[in-house]
Amino acid sequence: MHSVKDYIPHREPFLFVDEILDLSTESVTTQLTLREDFSFFQGHYPGNPIMPGVIMCESVFQTAAIYMTHLARSEGKPEGEGTPLLSRIKGARFKRMAKPGDVLTITVKPSGQEGGFAFMNGKVTNADGQLVVGVDFVITQK
């Protein structure tokens, strides 16, 4: 399996996917281990560190970018053609907190296509398989 950095341009400190677990034309599953040294834990919140929901969503969107790049490659598009871009967030549901030491599994699946837009569903689960966040969104490639 390829490295995350082979698929998306994101780099530390704004890379929120550690590993690709499964990648196909049907879906993608990645993983992120929440390290205590993530800078956002310093201010969100001191003494009770919680991963911000917006960063949980960003891990989903980065996972979607991996999927879109894989799809473009499987369709024979030239390398580097079409940067995946977030077009719309249709809804996010936050169910549980994520804290340092948690291992999150991120899964993204397409739910439809219209023109140059890919409609997607993403979810983040914890090591117990419990839903942490679910989000519906739209990606395009420019």
N, C-alpha and C. Protein backbone atom coordinates (compact mmCIF):
# COMPACT_ATOMS: atom_id res chain seq x y z
N MET A 1 0.86 -1.18 0.00
CA MET A 1 0.00 0.00 0.00
C MET A 1 0.90 1.24 0.00
N HIS A 2 0.47 2.25 -0.68
CA HIS A 2 1.23 3.50 -0.77
C HIS A 2 1.09 4.33 0.51
N SER A 3 2.00 5.26 0.66
CA SER A 3 1.98 6.19 1.78
C SER A 3 0.92 7.27 1.54
N VAL A 4 0.39 7.81 2.62
CA VAL A 4 -0.58 8.91 2.55
C VAL A 4 0.00 10.04 1.71
N LYS A 5 1.28 10.34 1.90
CA LYS A 5 1.92 11.46 1.21
C LYS A 5 2.07 11.21 -0.29
N ASP A 6 1.87 9.98 -0.74
CA ASP A 6 1.87 9.68 -2.18
C ASP A 6 0.57 10.14 -2.84
N TYR A 7 -0.46 10.42 -2.04
CA TYR A 7 -1.79 10.73 -2.57
C TYR A 7 -2.24 12.17 -2.37
N ILE A 8 -1.80 12.80 -1.28
CA ILE A 8 -2.27 14.16 -1.01
C ILE A 8 -1.10 15.08 -0.71
N PRO A 9 -1.27 16.38 -0.96
CA PRO A 9 -0.17 17.33 -0.72
C PRO A 9 -0.04 17.78 0.73
N HIS A 10 -0.95 17.42 1.59
CA HIS A 10 -0.92 17.85 2.99
C HIS A 10 0.35 17.34 3.68
N ARG A 11 0.88 18.17 4.54
CA ARG A 11 2.07 17.81 5.31
C ARG A 11 1.91 18.32 6.73
N GLU A 12 2.74 17.79 7.64
CA GLU A 12 2.72 18.23 9.01
C GLU A 12 3.01 19.74 9.04
N PRO A 13 2.38 20.49 9.86
CA PRO A 13 1.52 20.07 10.97
C PRO A 13 0.04 19.96 10.60
N PHE A 14 -0.28 19.98 9.29
CA PHE A 14 -1.68 19.93 8.90
C PHE A 14 -2.00 18.64 8.14
N LEU A 15 -1.45 17.54 8.60
CA LEU A 15 -1.74 16.22 8.05
C LEU A 15 -2.41 15.42 9.15
N PHE A 16 -3.65 15.00 8.90
CA PHE A 16 -4.45 14.33 9.93
C PHE A 16 -4.88 12.93 9.50
N VAL A 17 -4.01 12.26 8.75
CA VAL A 17 -4.16 10.86 8.36
C VAL A 17 -2.79 10.23 8.48
N ASP A 18 -2.68 9.13 9.23
CA ASP A 18 -1.39 8.46 9.41
C ASP A 18 -1.15 7.35 8.40
N GLU A 19 -2.21 6.60 8.11
CA GLU A 19 -2.04 5.36 7.37
C GLU A 19 -3.28 5.03 6.56
N ILE A 20 -3.06 4.47 5.37
CA ILE A 20 -4.16 3.98 4.54
C ILE A 20 -4.34 2.50 4.87
N LEU A 21 -5.53 2.14 5.34
CA LEU A 21 -5.82 0.74 5.69
C LEU A 21 -6.41 -0.03 4.52
N ASP A 22 -7.27 0.63 3.74
CA ASP A 22 -7.93 -0.02 2.61
C ASP A 22 -8.28 1.04 1.59
N LEU A 23 -8.02 0.75 0.31
CA LEU A 23 -8.26 1.71 -0.75
C LEU A 23 -8.72 0.98 -1.99
N SER A 24 -9.91 1.33 -2.47
CA SER A 24 -10.46 0.73 -3.67
C SER A 24 -11.26 1.79 -4.41
N THR A 25 -11.88 1.42 -5.51
CA THR A 25 -12.75 2.36 -6.22
C THR A 25 -14.10 2.49 -5.53
N GLU A 26 -14.34 1.68 -4.51
CA GLU A 26 -15.61 1.70 -3.77
C GLU A 26 -15.54 2.56 -2.51
N SER A 27 -14.37 2.61 -1.87
CA SER A 27 -14.24 3.34 -0.60
C SER A 27 -12.77 3.43 -0.21
N VAL A 28 -12.53 4.17 0.86
CA VAL A 28 -11.20 4.26 1.45
C VAL A 28 -11.35 4.27 2.96
N THR A 29 -10.41 3.60 3.63
CA THR A 29 -10.36 3.60 5.07
C THR A 29 -8.95 3.95 5.50
N THR A 30 -8.84 4.94 6.40
CA THR A 30 -7.55 5.38 6.91
C THR A 30 -7.57 5.34 8.43
N GLN A 31 -6.42 5.67 9.00
CA GLN A 31 -6.32 5.66 10.46
C GLN A 31 -5.49 6.86 10.93
N LEU A 32 -5.85 7.36 12.10
CA LEU A 32 -5.12 8.45 12.74
C LEU A 32 -5.00 8.13 14.23
N THR A 33 -3.77 8.15 14.74
CA THR A 33 -3.54 8.00 16.18
C THR A 33 -3.33 9.40 16.75
N LEU A 34 -4.13 9.75 17.74
CA LEU A 34 -4.06 11.08 18.33
C LEU A 34 -2.91 11.14 19.33
N ARG A 35 -1.86 11.84 18.93
CA ARG A 35 -0.69 11.98 19.77
C ARG A 35 -0.84 13.18 20.71
N GLU A 36 -0.34 13.05 21.90
CA GLU A 36 -0.41 14.14 22.88
C GLU A 36 0.28 15.40 22.39
N ASP A 37 1.26 15.27 21.47
CA ASP A 37 2.00 16.44 21.00
C ASP A 37 1.30 17.22 19.88
N PHE A 38 0.10 16.80 19.47
CA PHE A 38 -0.63 17.62 18.49
C PHE A 38 -0.86 18.99 19.11
N SER A 39 -0.51 20.04 18.38
CA SER A 39 -0.54 21.39 18.94
C SER A 39 -1.94 21.84 19.35
N PHE A 40 -2.98 21.35 18.69
CA PHE A 40 -4.32 21.81 19.04
C PHE A 40 -4.75 21.38 20.44
N PHE A 41 -4.13 20.31 20.96
CA PHE A 41 -4.47 19.87 22.31
C PHE A 41 -4.02 20.87 23.38
N GLN A 42 -3.03 21.70 23.06
CA GLN A 42 -2.53 22.69 24.03
C GLN A 42 -3.61 23.71 24.40
N GLY A 43 -4.45 24.07 23.44
CA GLY A 43 -5.45 25.08 23.71
C GLY A 43 -6.88 24.59 23.68
N HIS A 44 -7.09 23.32 23.36
CA HIS A 44 -8.45 22.78 23.22
C HIS A 44 -8.55 21.48 23.99
N TYR A 45 -8.68 21.41 25.19
CA TYR A 45 -8.69 22.41 26.22
C TYR A 45 -7.62 22.06 27.23
N PRO A 46 -6.89 23.07 27.80
CA PRO A 46 -5.87 22.75 28.79
C PRO A 46 -6.48 21.97 29.97
N GLY A 47 -5.85 20.86 30.32
CA GLY A 47 -6.35 20.02 31.41
C GLY A 47 -7.41 19.03 30.99
N ASN A 48 -8.01 19.21 29.82
CA ASN A 48 -9.03 18.31 29.29
C ASN A 48 -8.95 18.32 27.76
N PRO A 49 -7.85 17.80 27.20
CA PRO A 49 -7.64 17.89 25.75
C PRO A 49 -8.66 17.09 24.95
N ILE A 50 -9.28 17.77 23.99
CA ILE A 50 -10.29 17.17 23.11
C ILE A 50 -9.97 17.59 21.68
N MET A 51 -10.01 16.65 20.75
CA MET A 51 -9.77 16.98 19.35
C MET A 51 -10.92 17.85 18.84
N PRO A 52 -10.60 19.02 18.26
CA PRO A 52 -11.66 19.87 17.72
C PRO A 52 -12.44 19.17 16.60
N GLY A 53 -13.75 19.37 16.59
CA GLY A 53 -14.59 18.75 15.57
C GLY A 53 -14.19 19.12 14.16
N VAL A 54 -13.76 20.35 13.96
CA VAL A 54 -13.37 20.79 12.62
C VAL A 54 -12.14 20.01 12.14
N ILE A 55 -11.26 19.63 13.06
CA ILE A 55 -10.09 18.84 12.66
C ILE A 55 -10.47 17.39 12.42
N MET A 56 -11.45 16.88 13.17
CA MET A 56 -11.96 15.54 12.87
C MET A 56 -12.53 15.52 11.45
N CYS A 57 -13.29 16.57 11.11
CA CYS A 57 -13.84 16.66 9.75
C CYS A 57 -12.72 16.77 8.73
N GLU A 58 -11.69 17.54 9.04
CA GLU A 58 -10.55 17.66 8.12
C GLU A 58 -9.91 16.30 7.85
N SER A 59 -9.84 15.43 8.86
CA SER A 59 -9.28 14.09 8.63
C SER A 59 -10.14 13.31 7.64
N VAL A 60 -11.45 13.53 7.69
CA VAL A 60 -12.37 12.90 6.72
C VAL A 60 -12.11 13.47 5.33
N PHE A 61 -11.96 14.79 5.23
CA PHE A 61 -11.76 15.42 3.93
C PHE A 61 -10.42 15.03 3.32
N GLN A 62 -9.38 14.87 4.15
CA GLN A 62 -8.10 14.40 3.64
C GLN A 62 -8.20 12.95 3.16
N THR A 63 -8.98 12.15 3.87
CA THR A 63 -9.22 10.77 3.43
C THR A 63 -9.95 10.76 2.09
N ALA A 64 -10.91 11.67 1.92
CA ALA A 64 -11.62 11.78 0.64
C ALA A 64 -10.68 12.19 -0.48
N ALA A 65 -9.72 13.07 -0.19
CA ALA A 65 -8.75 13.48 -1.20
C ALA A 65 -7.90 12.29 -1.64
N ILE A 66 -7.55 11.42 -0.71
CA ILE A 66 -6.83 10.19 -1.05
C ILE A 66 -7.68 9.36 -2.01
N TYR A 67 -8.95 9.20 -1.69
CA TYR A 67 -9.87 8.43 -2.53
C TYR A 67 -9.96 9.03 -3.94
N MET A 68 -10.15 10.35 -4.01
CA MET A 68 -10.31 11.01 -5.31
C MET A 68 -9.05 10.88 -6.15
N THR A 69 -7.88 10.99 -5.54
CA THR A 69 -6.62 10.81 -6.26
C THR A 69 -6.50 9.39 -6.76
N HIS A 70 -6.85 8.42 -5.92
CA HIS A 70 -6.82 7.02 -6.33
C HIS A 70 -7.76 6.77 -7.51
N LEU A 71 -8.95 7.33 -7.43
CA LEU A 71 -9.93 7.18 -8.50
C LEU A 71 -9.41 7.77 -9.81
N ALA A 72 -8.83 8.97 -9.74
CA ALA A 72 -8.28 9.61 -10.94
C ALA A 72 -7.17 8.75 -11.55
N ARG A 73 -6.32 8.20 -10.71
CA ARG A 73 -5.24 7.33 -11.20
C ARG A 73 -5.80 6.06 -11.84
N SER A 74 -6.83 5.49 -11.22
CA SER A 74 -7.40 4.25 -11.76
C SER A 74 -8.11 4.50 -13.09
N GLU A 75 -8.50 5.76 -13.34
CA GLU A 75 -9.13 6.14 -14.62
C GLU A 75 -8.09 6.59 -15.64
N GLY A 76 -6.80 6.50 -15.27
CA GLY A 76 -5.73 6.82 -16.20
C GLY A 76 -5.45 8.30 -16.38
N LYS A 77 -5.92 9.13 -15.49
CA LYS A 77 -5.65 10.57 -15.60
C LYS A 77 -4.19 10.84 -15.27
N PRO A 78 -3.60 11.84 -15.93
CA PRO A 78 -2.19 12.15 -15.67
C PRO A 78 -1.93 12.53 -14.22
N GLU A 79 -0.75 12.18 -13.73
CA GLU A 79 -0.34 12.48 -12.36
C GLU A 79 -0.44 13.98 -12.10
N GLY A 80 -1.04 14.35 -10.98
CA GLY A 80 -1.15 15.75 -10.61
C GLY A 80 -2.32 16.49 -11.22
N GLU A 81 -3.07 15.85 -12.08
CA GLU A 81 -4.22 16.51 -12.70
C GLU A 81 -5.41 16.45 -11.75
N GLY A 82 -5.97 17.60 -11.45
CA GLY A 82 -7.18 17.65 -10.64
C GLY A 82 -6.93 17.54 -9.16
N THR A 83 -6.69 18.66 -8.52
CA THR A 83 -6.56 18.68 -7.07
C THR A 83 -7.94 18.56 -6.44
N PRO A 84 -8.16 17.58 -5.56
CA PRO A 84 -9.47 17.46 -4.90
C PRO A 84 -9.72 18.65 -3.97
N LEU A 85 -10.89 19.26 -4.11
CA LEU A 85 -11.25 20.42 -3.30
C LEU A 85 -12.62 20.21 -2.66
N LEU A 86 -12.73 20.61 -1.41
CA LEU A 86 -14.01 20.56 -0.71
C LEU A 86 -14.93 21.63 -1.27
N SER A 87 -16.14 21.25 -1.67
CA SER A 87 -17.10 22.20 -2.24
C SER A 87 -18.23 22.54 -1.27
N ARG A 88 -18.63 21.55 -0.47
CA ARG A 88 -19.77 21.77 0.42
C ARG A 88 -19.75 20.77 1.56
N ILE A 89 -20.10 21.27 2.72
CA ILE A 89 -20.33 20.40 3.87
C ILE A 89 -21.84 20.40 4.08
N LYS A 90 -22.44 19.25 3.89
CA LYS A 90 -23.91 19.18 3.97
C LYS A 90 -24.40 18.94 5.39
N GLY A 91 -23.56 18.40 6.22
CA GLY A 91 -23.99 18.15 7.59
C GLY A 91 -22.95 17.33 8.33
N ALA A 92 -22.77 17.64 9.60
CA ALA A 92 -21.86 16.88 10.45
C ALA A 92 -22.57 16.57 11.76
N ARG A 93 -22.35 15.36 12.25
CA ARG A 93 -22.96 14.92 13.50
C ARG A 93 -21.84 14.45 14.42
N PHE A 94 -21.68 15.14 15.53
CA PHE A 94 -20.63 14.81 16.49
C PHE A 94 -21.24 14.00 17.62
N LYS A 95 -20.76 12.78 17.79
CA LYS A 95 -21.35 11.84 18.75
C LYS A 95 -20.50 11.60 19.99
N ARG A 96 -19.18 11.64 19.84
CA ARG A 96 -18.28 11.35 20.95
C ARG A 96 -17.04 12.22 20.85
N MET A 97 -16.35 12.35 21.98
CA MET A 97 -15.10 13.09 22.00
C MET A 97 -13.96 12.18 21.57
N ALA A 98 -12.90 12.82 21.05
CA ALA A 98 -11.66 12.12 20.73
C ALA A 98 -10.55 12.79 21.52
N LYS A 99 -9.74 11.97 22.18
CA LYS A 99 -8.72 12.48 23.11
C LYS A 99 -7.36 11.88 22.78
N PRO A 100 -6.29 12.48 23.32
CA PRO A 100 -4.95 11.92 23.09
C PRO A 100 -4.91 10.43 23.41
N GLY A 101 -4.24 9.69 22.52
CA GLY A 101 -4.13 8.24 22.68
C GLY A 101 -5.17 7.47 21.90
N ASP A 102 -6.27 8.12 21.52
CA ASP A 102 -7.31 7.44 20.74
C ASP A 102 -6.79 7.09 19.35
N VAL A 103 -7.22 5.97 18.84
CA VAL A 103 -6.93 5.57 17.47
C VAL A 103 -8.25 5.67 16.71
N LEU A 104 -8.26 6.55 15.72
CA LEU A 104 -9.48 6.80 14.94
C LEU A 104 -9.39 6.12 13.58
N THR A 105 -10.48 5.52 13.17
CA THR A 105 -10.60 4.94 11.84
C THR A 105 -11.54 5.82 11.04
N ILE A 106 -11.09 6.22 9.85
CA ILE A 106 -11.84 7.14 9.02
C ILE A 106 -12.22 6.41 7.73
N THR A 107 -13.52 6.40 7.42
CA THR A 107 -14.01 5.73 6.22
C THR A 107 -14.79 6.73 5.38
N VAL A 108 -14.51 6.72 4.08
CA VAL A 108 -15.22 7.59 3.13
C VAL A 108 -15.73 6.73 1.99
N LYS A 109 -17.00 6.97 1.62
CA LYS A 109 -17.62 6.27 0.50
C LYS A 109 -18.35 7.29 -0.36
N PRO A 110 -18.33 7.09 -1.67
CA PRO A 110 -19.11 7.98 -2.53
C PRO A 110 -20.60 7.65 -2.39
N SER A 111 -21.43 8.68 -2.51
CA SER A 111 -22.88 8.45 -2.47
C SER A 111 -23.57 8.95 -3.73
N GLY A 112 -22.79 9.46 -4.67
CA GLY A 112 -23.36 9.93 -5.92
C GLY A 112 -22.40 10.83 -6.66
N GLN A 113 -22.73 11.09 -7.91
CA GLN A 113 -21.89 11.92 -8.77
C GLN A 113 -22.82 12.78 -9.61
N GLU A 114 -22.50 14.04 -9.76
CA GLU A 114 -23.27 14.93 -10.62
C GLU A 114 -22.31 15.93 -11.23
N GLY A 115 -22.17 15.85 -12.55
CA GLY A 115 -21.20 16.72 -13.20
C GLY A 115 -19.82 16.43 -12.65
N GLY A 116 -19.10 17.47 -12.28
CA GLY A 116 -17.77 17.31 -11.73
C GLY A 116 -17.75 17.22 -10.22
N PHE A 117 -18.91 16.93 -9.62
CA PHE A 117 -19.01 16.89 -8.16
C PHE A 117 -19.24 15.46 -7.67
N ALA A 118 -18.49 15.09 -6.63
CA ALA A 118 -18.64 13.78 -6.00
C ALA A 118 -19.27 13.98 -4.63
N PHE A 119 -20.43 13.38 -4.43
CA PHE A 119 -21.12 13.44 -3.14
C PHE A 119 -20.59 12.29 -2.30
N MET A 120 -20.25 12.57 -1.03
CA MET A 120 -19.58 11.57 -0.22
C MET A 120 -20.12 11.53 1.21
N ASN A 121 -19.96 10.37 1.82
CA ASN A 121 -20.28 10.16 3.23
C ASN A 121 -18.99 9.76 3.92
N GLY A 122 -18.74 10.39 5.07
CA GLY A 122 -17.56 10.05 5.84
C GLY A 122 -17.93 9.77 7.28
N LYS A 123 -17.16 8.90 7.89
CA LYS A 123 -17.38 8.65 9.31
C LYS A 123 -16.04 8.38 9.99
N VAL A 124 -16.02 8.75 11.26
CA VAL A 124 -14.86 8.50 12.11
C VAL A 124 -15.36 7.63 13.25
N THR A 125 -14.67 6.52 13.49
CA THR A 125 -15.02 5.64 14.60
C THR A 125 -13.81 5.49 15.51
N ASN A 126 -14.08 5.16 16.77
CA ASN A 126 -12.99 4.94 17.72
C ASN A 126 -12.61 3.45 17.71
N ALA A 127 -11.65 3.09 18.56
CA ALA A 127 -11.16 1.71 18.61
C ALA A 127 -12.24 0.71 19.01
N ASP A 128 -13.30 1.18 19.68
CA ASP A 128 -14.42 0.32 20.05
C ASP A 128 -15.47 0.22 18.94
N GLY A 129 -15.22 0.87 17.81
CA GLY A 129 -16.16 0.85 16.70
C GLY A 129 -17.32 1.82 16.86
N GLN A 130 -17.24 2.68 17.86
CA GLN A 130 -18.32 3.65 18.09
C GLN A 130 -18.15 4.87 17.18
N LEU A 131 -19.25 5.38 16.69
CA LEU A 131 -19.22 6.55 15.83
C LEU A 131 -18.79 7.77 16.64
N VAL A 132 -17.79 8.47 16.14
CA VAL A 132 -17.32 9.71 16.76
C VAL A 132 -17.90 10.89 16.00
N VAL A 133 -17.82 10.85 14.67
CA VAL A 133 -18.42 11.90 13.84
C VAL A 133 -18.82 11.29 12.49
N GLY A 134 -19.92 11.80 11.96
CA GLY A 134 -20.35 11.47 10.61
C GLY A 134 -20.56 12.76 9.85
N VAL A 135 -20.18 12.79 8.59
CA VAL A 135 -20.30 14.02 7.81
C VAL A 135 -20.61 13.69 6.35
N ASP A 136 -21.53 14.45 5.77
CA ASP A 136 -21.86 14.36 4.35
C ASP A 136 -21.27 15.60 3.69
N PHE A 137 -20.66 15.43 2.53
CA PHE A 137 -19.96 16.54 1.90
C PHE A 137 -19.82 16.31 0.40
N VAL A 138 -19.33 17.34 -0.28
CA VAL A 138 -19.17 17.29 -1.73
C VAL A 138 -17.74 17.71 -2.06
N ILE A 139 -17.12 16.96 -2.98
CA ILE A 139 -15.75 17.21 -3.44
C ILE A 139 -15.78 17.44 -4.95
N THR A 140 -14.93 18.33 -5.41
CA THR A 140 -14.73 18.51 -6.83
C THR A 140 -13.22 18.46 -7.08
N GLN A 141 -12.83 18.33 -8.34
CA GLN A 141 -11.40 18.35 -8.68
C GLN A 141 -11.15 19.50 -9.63
N LYS A 142 -10.18 20.32 -9.31
CA LYS A 142 -9.81 21.48 -10.15
C LYS A 142 -8.39 21.34 -10.62
